Amino acid sequence: MTFLSRHAGLIALATVLALTGCTAPGSNVSGPQGTTDQQKVNSDLTWEEAKTATQEMELEIVDLIPAELVINVDQHTKGVLLSCDNTSHSWTGATTVTLTPGTDIESIVKDIEAHYREAGTEISVDRDVDGNYRIQLLPPVPGENYIIAKDVEDDHLRIASGSECFTLPEGVYPGGEF
């Protein structure tokens, strides 16, 4: 398996964050419907809190999948930081759910989509390069997002995540795993 196919979800998340991520406080950003809104970095949020909140949301998404279809949940213990702008970052991670063989993953993704649409969450929908149905949840918190789609392996669902933008304490190097 090639690097690109193994890391397609993380690459997709990095691309999405680059296109929709955080911006400097006070800057104007064109929103998904062409509106302009202010995005602010949460200067009180630590990377640990951002990671915890993001991983909790990943598990909230997993809980929407019928338990009888779930064989295993692999929530990655470490992620990386991506830049939101020159001074802030987003914690990015992923959870992979192994489903029973033959599970209709597209219907699972559509059920998750329906749940969050009903809750009023902004959602973007498309198909990945393999034609798999994919959704991106865009909660109202700037920078936070979740991409949910079939993983590269059969019978696997991947939830790629990005946290709310935050500022690292002075002297903390943003490279490596977090």
C-alpha atoms as a PDB file:
ATOM      1  CA  MET A   1       0.000   0.000   0.000  1.00  0.00           C
ATOM      2  CA  THR A   2       1.449   3.381  -0.950  1.00  0.00           C
ATOM      3  CA  PHE A   3       1.974   6.304   1.392  1.00  0.00           C
ATOM      4  CA  LEU A   4      -0.740   8.287  -0.396  1.00  0.00           C
ATOM      5  CA  SER A   5      -3.359   5.564  -0.108  1.00  0.00           C
ATOM      6  CA  ARG A   6      -2.550   4.878   3.573  1.00  0.00           C
ATOM      7  CA  HIS A   7      -2.722   8.536   4.504  1.00  0.00           C
ATOM      8  CA  ALA A   8      -5.493   9.736   2.189  1.00  0.00           C
ATOM      9  CA  GLY A   9      -7.708  10.842   5.094  1.00  0.00           C
ATOM     10  CA  LEU A  10      -4.960  12.894   6.743  1.00  0.00           C
ATOM     11  CA  ILE A  11      -4.008  14.427   3.406  1.00  0.00           C
ATOM     12  CA  ALA A  12      -7.653  15.296   2.767  1.00  0.00           C
ATOM     13  CA  LEU A  13      -7.944  16.812   6.240  1.00  0.00           C
ATOM     14  CA  ALA A  14      -4.785  18.871   5.748  1.00  0.00           C
ATOM     15  CA  THR A  15      -6.143  20.139   2.435  1.00  0.00           C
ATOM     16  CA  VAL A  16      -9.483  21.038   3.991  1.00  0.00           C
ATOM     17  CA  LEU A  17      -7.838  22.781   6.912  1.00  0.00           C
ATOM     18  CA  ALA A  18      -5.649  24.723   4.526  1.00  0.00           C
ATOM     19  CA  LEU A  19      -8.764  25.850   2.670  1.00  0.00           C
ATOM     20  CA  THR A  20     -11.142  26.374   5.615  1.00  0.00           C
ATOM     21  CA  GLY A  21      -8.915  26.629   8.670  1.00  0.00           C
ATOM     22  CA  CYS A  22      -8.425  29.422  11.132  1.00  0.00           C
ATOM     23  CA  THR A  23      -7.339  32.923  10.323  1.00  0.00           C
ATOM     24  CA  ALA A  24      -5.741  35.651  12.320  1.00  0.00           C
ATOM     25  CA  PRO A  25      -7.988  37.373  14.833  1.00  0.00           C
ATOM     26  CA  GLY A  26      -9.966  40.147  13.212  1.00  0.00           C
ATOM     27  CA  SER A  27      -9.374  39.035   9.644  1.00  0.00           C
ATOM     28  CA  ASN A  28     -12.268  38.573   7.249  1.00  0.00           C
ATOM     29  CA  VAL A  29     -12.887  35.192   5.688  1.00  0.00           C
ATOM     30  CA  SER A  30     -15.375  34.308   3.009  1.00  0.00           C
ATOM     31  CA  GLY A  31     -17.598  31.612   4.463  1.00  0.00           C
ATOM     32  CA  PRO A  32     -18.975  28.578   2.609  1.00  0.00           C
ATOM     33  CA  GLN A  33     -22.043  30.463   1.361  1.00  0.00           C
ATOM     34  CA  GLY A  34     -20.003  33.505   0.338  1.00  0.00           C
ATOM     35  CA  THR A  35     -20.698  35.350   3.574  1.00  0.00           C
ATOM     36  CA  THR A  36     -18.027  37.163   5.503  1.00  0.00           C
ATOM     37  CA  ASP A  37     -17.480  36.283   9.110  1.00  0.00           C
ATOM     38  CA  GLN A  38     -14.892  36.871  11.773  1.00  0.00           C
ATOM     39  CA  GLN A  39     -12.921  33.867  12.978  1.00  0.00           C
ATOM     40  CA  LYS A  40     -11.137  34.143  16.281  1.00  0.00           C
ATOM     41  CA  VAL A  41      -8.499  31.972  17.875  1.00  0.00           C
ATOM     42  CA  ASN A  42      -9.341  30.738  21.361  1.00  0.00           C
ATOM     43  CA  SER A  43      -6.308  32.031  23.261  1.00  0.00           C
ATOM     44  CA  ASP A  44      -7.451  30.305  26.487  1.00  0.00           C
ATOM     45  CA  LEU A  45      -7.610  26.835  24.908  1.00  0.00           C
ATOM     46  CA  THR A  46      -4.612  24.519  25.397  1.00  0.00           C
ATOM     47  CA  TRP A  47      -3.619  21.950  22.787  1.00  0.00           C
ATOM     48  CA  GLU A  48      -4.485  19.224  25.310  1.00  0.00           C
ATOM     49  CA  GLU A  49      -8.018  20.596  25.731  1.00  0.00           C
ATOM     50  CA  ALA A  50      -8.416  20.944  21.967  1.00  0.00           C
ATOM     51  CA  LYS A  51      -7.291  17.349  21.461  1.00  0.00           C
ATOM     52  CA  THR A  52      -9.623  16.039  24.188  1.00  0.00           C
ATOM     53  CA  ALA A  53     -12.653  17.884  22.807  1.00  0.00           C
ATOM     54  CA  THR A  54     -11.909  16.732  19.263  1.00  0.00           C
ATOM     55  CA  GLN A  55     -11.481  13.100  20.287  1.00  0.00           C
ATOM     56  CA  GLU A  56     -14.710  13.243  22.300  1.00  0.00           C
ATOM     57  CA  MET A  57     -16.512  14.433  19.162  1.00  0.00           C
ATOM     58  CA  GLU A  58     -14.959  11.579  17.146  1.00  0.00           C
ATOM     59  CA  LEU A  59     -16.451   9.127  19.669  1.00  0.00           C
ATOM     60  CA  GLU A  60     -19.805  10.945  19.572  1.00  0.00           C
ATOM     61  CA  ILE A  61     -19.818  10.284  15.829  1.00  0.00           C
ATOM     62  CA  VAL A  62     -18.901   6.617  16.383  1.00  0.00           C
ATOM     63  CA  ASP A  63     -21.821   6.303  18.823  1.00  0.00           C
ATOM     64  CA  LEU A  64     -24.192   7.099  15.930  1.00  0.00           C
ATOM     65  CA  ILE A  65     -23.213   3.844  14.199  1.00  0.00           C
ATOM     66  CA  PRO A  66     -25.392   0.869  15.204  1.00  0.00           C
ATOM     67  CA  ALA A  67     -23.348  -1.079  17.780  1.00  0.00           C
ATOM     68  CA  GLU A  68     -24.033  -4.416  16.074  1.00  0.00           C
ATOM     69  CA  LEU A  69     -22.125  -3.170  12.996  1.00  0.00           C
ATOM     70  CA  VAL A  70     -18.992  -2.085  14.900  1.00  0.00           C
ATOM     71  CA  ILE A  71     -16.192  -4.621  15.288  1.00  0.00           C
ATOM     72  CA  ASN A  72     -13.447  -2.272  16.485  1.00  0.00           C
ATOM     73  CA  VAL A  73     -12.790   1.411  17.141  1.00  0.00           C
ATOM     74  CA  ASP A  74      -9.195   2.597  16.749  1.00  0.00           C
ATOM     75  CA  GLN A  75      -8.918   6.138  18.029  1.00  0.00           C
ATOM     76  CA  HIS A  76      -5.394   7.256  17.278  1.00  0.00           C
ATOM     77  CA  THR A  77      -3.694   8.347  20.481  1.00  0.00           C
ATOM     78  CA  LYS A  78      -1.504  10.905  18.762  1.00  0.00           C
ATOM     79  CA  GLY A  79      -2.056  13.530  16.109  1.00  0.00           C
ATOM     80  CA  VAL A  80      -0.196  16.466  14.652  1.00  0.00           C
ATOM     81  CA  LEU A  81      -0.594  20.217  14.696  1.00  0.00           C
ATOM     82  CA  LEU A  82      -1.403  22.109  11.538  1.00  0.00           C
ATOM     83  CA  SER A  83      -1.054  25.867  11.255  1.00  0.00           C
ATOM     84  CA  CYS A  84      -4.220  27.941  11.215  1.00  0.00           C
ATOM     85  CA  ASP A  85      -2.156  31.083  10.644  1.00  0.00           C
ATOM     86  CA  ASN A  86       1.220  32.485  11.733  1.00  0.00           C
ATOM     87  CA  THR A  87       0.463  32.159  15.445  1.00  0.00           C
ATOM     88  CA  SER A  88      -2.219  29.496  15.927  1.00  0.00           C
ATOM     89  CA  HIS A  89      -2.666  25.791  15.323  1.00  0.00           C
ATOM     90  CA  SER A  90      -5.251  23.041  15.083  1.00  0.00           C
ATOM     91  CA  TRP A  91      -4.793  19.553  16.523  1.00  0.00           C
ATOM     92  CA  THR A  92      -5.575  16.937  13.861  1.00  0.00           C
ATOM     93  CA  GLY A  93      -6.248  13.281  14.434  1.00  0.00           C
ATOM     94  CA  ALA A  94      -8.361  10.374  13.306  1.00  0.00           C
ATOM     95  CA  THR A  95     -10.457   7.433  14.379  1.00  0.00           C
ATOM     96  CA  THR A  96     -10.918   4.338  12.240  1.00  0.00           C
ATOM     97  CA  VAL A  97     -13.979   2.144  12.763  1.00  0.00           C
ATOM     98  CA  THR A  98     -13.894  -1.463  11.570  1.00  0.00           C
ATOM     99  CA  LEU A  99     -17.386  -2.530  10.533  1.00  0.00           C
ATOM    100  CA  THR A 100     -18.887  -5.955   9.926  1.00  0.00           C
ATOM    101  CA  PRO A 101     -18.085  -7.261   6.433  1.00  0.00           C
ATOM    102  CA  GLY A 102     -20.519  -6.065   3.808  1.00  0.00           C
ATOM    103  CA  THR A 103     -21.770  -3.044   5.778  1.00  0.00           C
ATOM    104  CA  ASP A 104     -23.147  -0.331   3.504  1.00  0.00           C
ATOM    105  CA  ILE A 105     -20.743   2.425   4.583  1.00  0.00           C
ATOM    106  CA  GLU A 106     -22.403   5.060   2.392  1.00  0.00           C
ATOM    107  CA  SER A 107     -25.706   4.583   4.239  1.00  0.00           C
ATOM    108  CA  ILE A 108     -23.865   4.890   7.587  1.00  0.00           C
ATOM    109  CA  VAL A 109     -22.273   8.172   6.432  1.00  0.00           C
ATOM    110  CA  LYS A 110     -25.660   9.435   5.208  1.00  0.00           C
ATOM    111  CA  ASP A 111     -27.261   8.555   8.567  1.00  0.00           C
ATOM    112  CA  ILE A 112     -24.526  10.522  10.365  1.00  0.00           C
ATOM    113  CA  GLU A 113     -25.116  13.393   7.937  1.00  0.00           C
ATOM    114  CA  ALA A 114     -28.875  13.358   8.653  1.00  0.00           C
ATOM    115  CA  HIS A 115     -28.260  13.424  12.403  1.00  0.00           C
ATOM    116  CA  TYR A 116     -26.039  16.491  12.227  1.00  0.00           C
ATOM    117  CA  ARG A 117     -28.198  18.282   9.646  1.00  0.00           C
ATOM    118  CA  GLU A 118     -31.159  17.872  11.999  1.00  0.00           C
ATOM    119  CA  ALA A 119     -29.004  19.374  14.775  1.00  0.00           C
ATOM    120  CA  GLY A 120     -28.279  22.385  12.552  1.00  0.00           C
ATOM    121  CA  THR A 121     -24.618  21.637  11.887  1.00  0.00           C
ATOM    122  CA  GLU A 122     -23.236  22.981   8.618  1.00  0.00           C
ATOM    123  CA  ILE A 123     -22.225  20.084   6.352  1.00  0.00           C
ATOM    124  CA  SER A 124     -20.327  19.834   3.101  1.00  0.00           C
ATOM    125  CA  VAL A 125     -20.893  16.758   0.917  1.00  0.00           C
ATOM    126  CA  ASP A 126     -18.861  15.349  -1.953  1.00  0.00           C
ATOM    127  CA  ARG A 127     -17.256  12.153  -3.226  1.00  0.00           C
ATOM    128  CA  ASP A 128     -13.595  11.301  -2.764  1.00  0.00           C
ATOM    129  CA  VAL A 129     -11.267  10.296  -5.616  1.00  0.00           C
ATOM    130  CA  ASP A 130     -12.539   6.706  -5.367  1.00  0.00           C
ATOM    131  CA  GLY A 131     -16.170   7.831  -5.627  1.00  0.00           C
ATOM    132  CA  ASN A 132     -16.966   7.225  -1.946  1.00  0.00           C
ATOM    133  CA  TYR A 133     -19.600   9.453  -0.343  1.00  0.00           C
ATOM    134  CA  ARG A 134     -17.914  11.840   2.081  1.00  0.00           C
ATOM    135  CA  ILE A 135     -19.194  14.468   4.492  1.00  0.00           C
ATOM    136  CA  GLN A 136     -17.459  17.244   6.338  1.00  0.00           C
ATOM    137  CA  LEU A 137     -19.028  18.524   9.542  1.00  0.00           C
ATOM    138  CA  LEU A 138     -18.324  22.204  10.124  1.00  0.00           C
ATOM    139  CA  PRO A 139     -19.351  23.057  13.690  1.00  0.00           C
ATOM    140  CA  PRO A 140     -19.765  26.752  14.486  1.00  0.00           C
ATOM    141  CA  VAL A 141     -16.381  26.886  16.228  1.00  0.00           C
ATOM    142  CA  PRO A 142     -13.782  28.332  13.821  1.00  0.00           C
ATOM    143  CA  GLY A 143     -11.336  25.757  12.513  1.00  0.00           C
ATOM    144  CA  GLU A 144     -13.090  22.700  13.946  1.00  0.00           C
ATOM    145  CA  ASN A 145     -14.139  20.076  11.383  1.00  0.00           C
ATOM    146  CA  TYR A 146     -14.652  16.360  10.857  1.00  0.00           C
ATOM    147  CA  ILE A 147     -14.409  14.417   7.600  1.00  0.00           C
ATOM    148  CA  ILE A 148     -16.297  11.116   7.574  1.00  0.00           C
ATOM    149  CA  ALA A 149     -15.988   8.589   4.748  1.00  0.00           C
ATOM    150  CA  LYS A 150     -15.092   5.049   3.805  1.00  0.00           C
ATOM    151  CA  ASP A 151     -11.424   4.416   4.568  1.00  0.00           C
ATOM    152  CA  VAL A 152      -8.998   2.952   2.018  1.00  0.00           C
ATOM    153  CA  GLU A 153      -9.576  -0.529   3.454  1.00  0.00           C
ATOM    154  CA  ASP A 154     -12.875  -2.311   2.872  1.00  0.00           C
ATOM    155  CA  ASP A 155     -15.291  -2.299   5.812  1.00  0.00           C
ATOM    156  CA  HIS A 156     -13.526   0.637   7.484  1.00  0.00           C
ATOM    157  CA  LEU A 157     -14.948   4.086   8.193  1.00  0.00           C
ATOM    158  CA  ARG A 158     -12.553   6.936   8.908  1.00  0.00           C
ATOM    159  CA  ILE A 159     -13.243  10.056  10.916  1.00  0.00           C
ATOM    160  CA  ALA A 160     -10.500  12.609  10.275  1.00  0.00           C
ATOM    161  CA  SER A 161     -10.681  15.548  12.649  1.00  0.00           C
ATOM    162  CA  GLY A 162      -9.379  19.034  13.230  1.00  0.00           C
ATOM    163  CA  SER A 163      -9.773  20.976  16.453  1.00  0.00           C
ATOM    164  CA  GLU A 164     -10.653  24.541  17.178  1.00  0.00           C
ATOM    165  CA  CYS A 165      -7.677  26.854  16.578  1.00  0.00           C
ATOM    166  CA  PHE A 166      -5.519  27.712  19.599  1.00  0.00           C
ATOM    167  CA  THR A 167      -2.231  29.382  20.442  1.00  0.00           C
ATOM    168  CA  LEU A 168       0.673  27.325  21.756  1.00  0.00           C
ATOM    169  CA  PRO A 169       2.556  28.572  24.814  1.00  0.00           C
ATOM    170  CA  GLU A 170       5.762  30.400  24.023  1.00  0.00           C
ATOM    171  CA  GLY A 171       8.647  27.993  23.469  1.00  0.00           C
ATOM    172  CA  VAL A 172       6.526  24.972  22.465  1.00  0.00           C
ATOM    173  CA  TYR A 173       7.648  23.648  19.085  1.00  0.00           C
ATOM    174  CA  PRO A 174       4.616  22.668  16.954  1.00  0.00           C
ATOM    175  CA  GLY A 175       6.369  19.828  15.093  1.00  0.00           C
ATOM    176  CA  GLY A 176       6.118  16.145  15.902  1.00  0.00           C
ATOM    177  CA  GLU A 177       3.217  14.249  17.414  1.00  0.00           C
ATOM    178  CA  PHE A 178       0.824  15.578  20.018  1.00  0.00           C
END
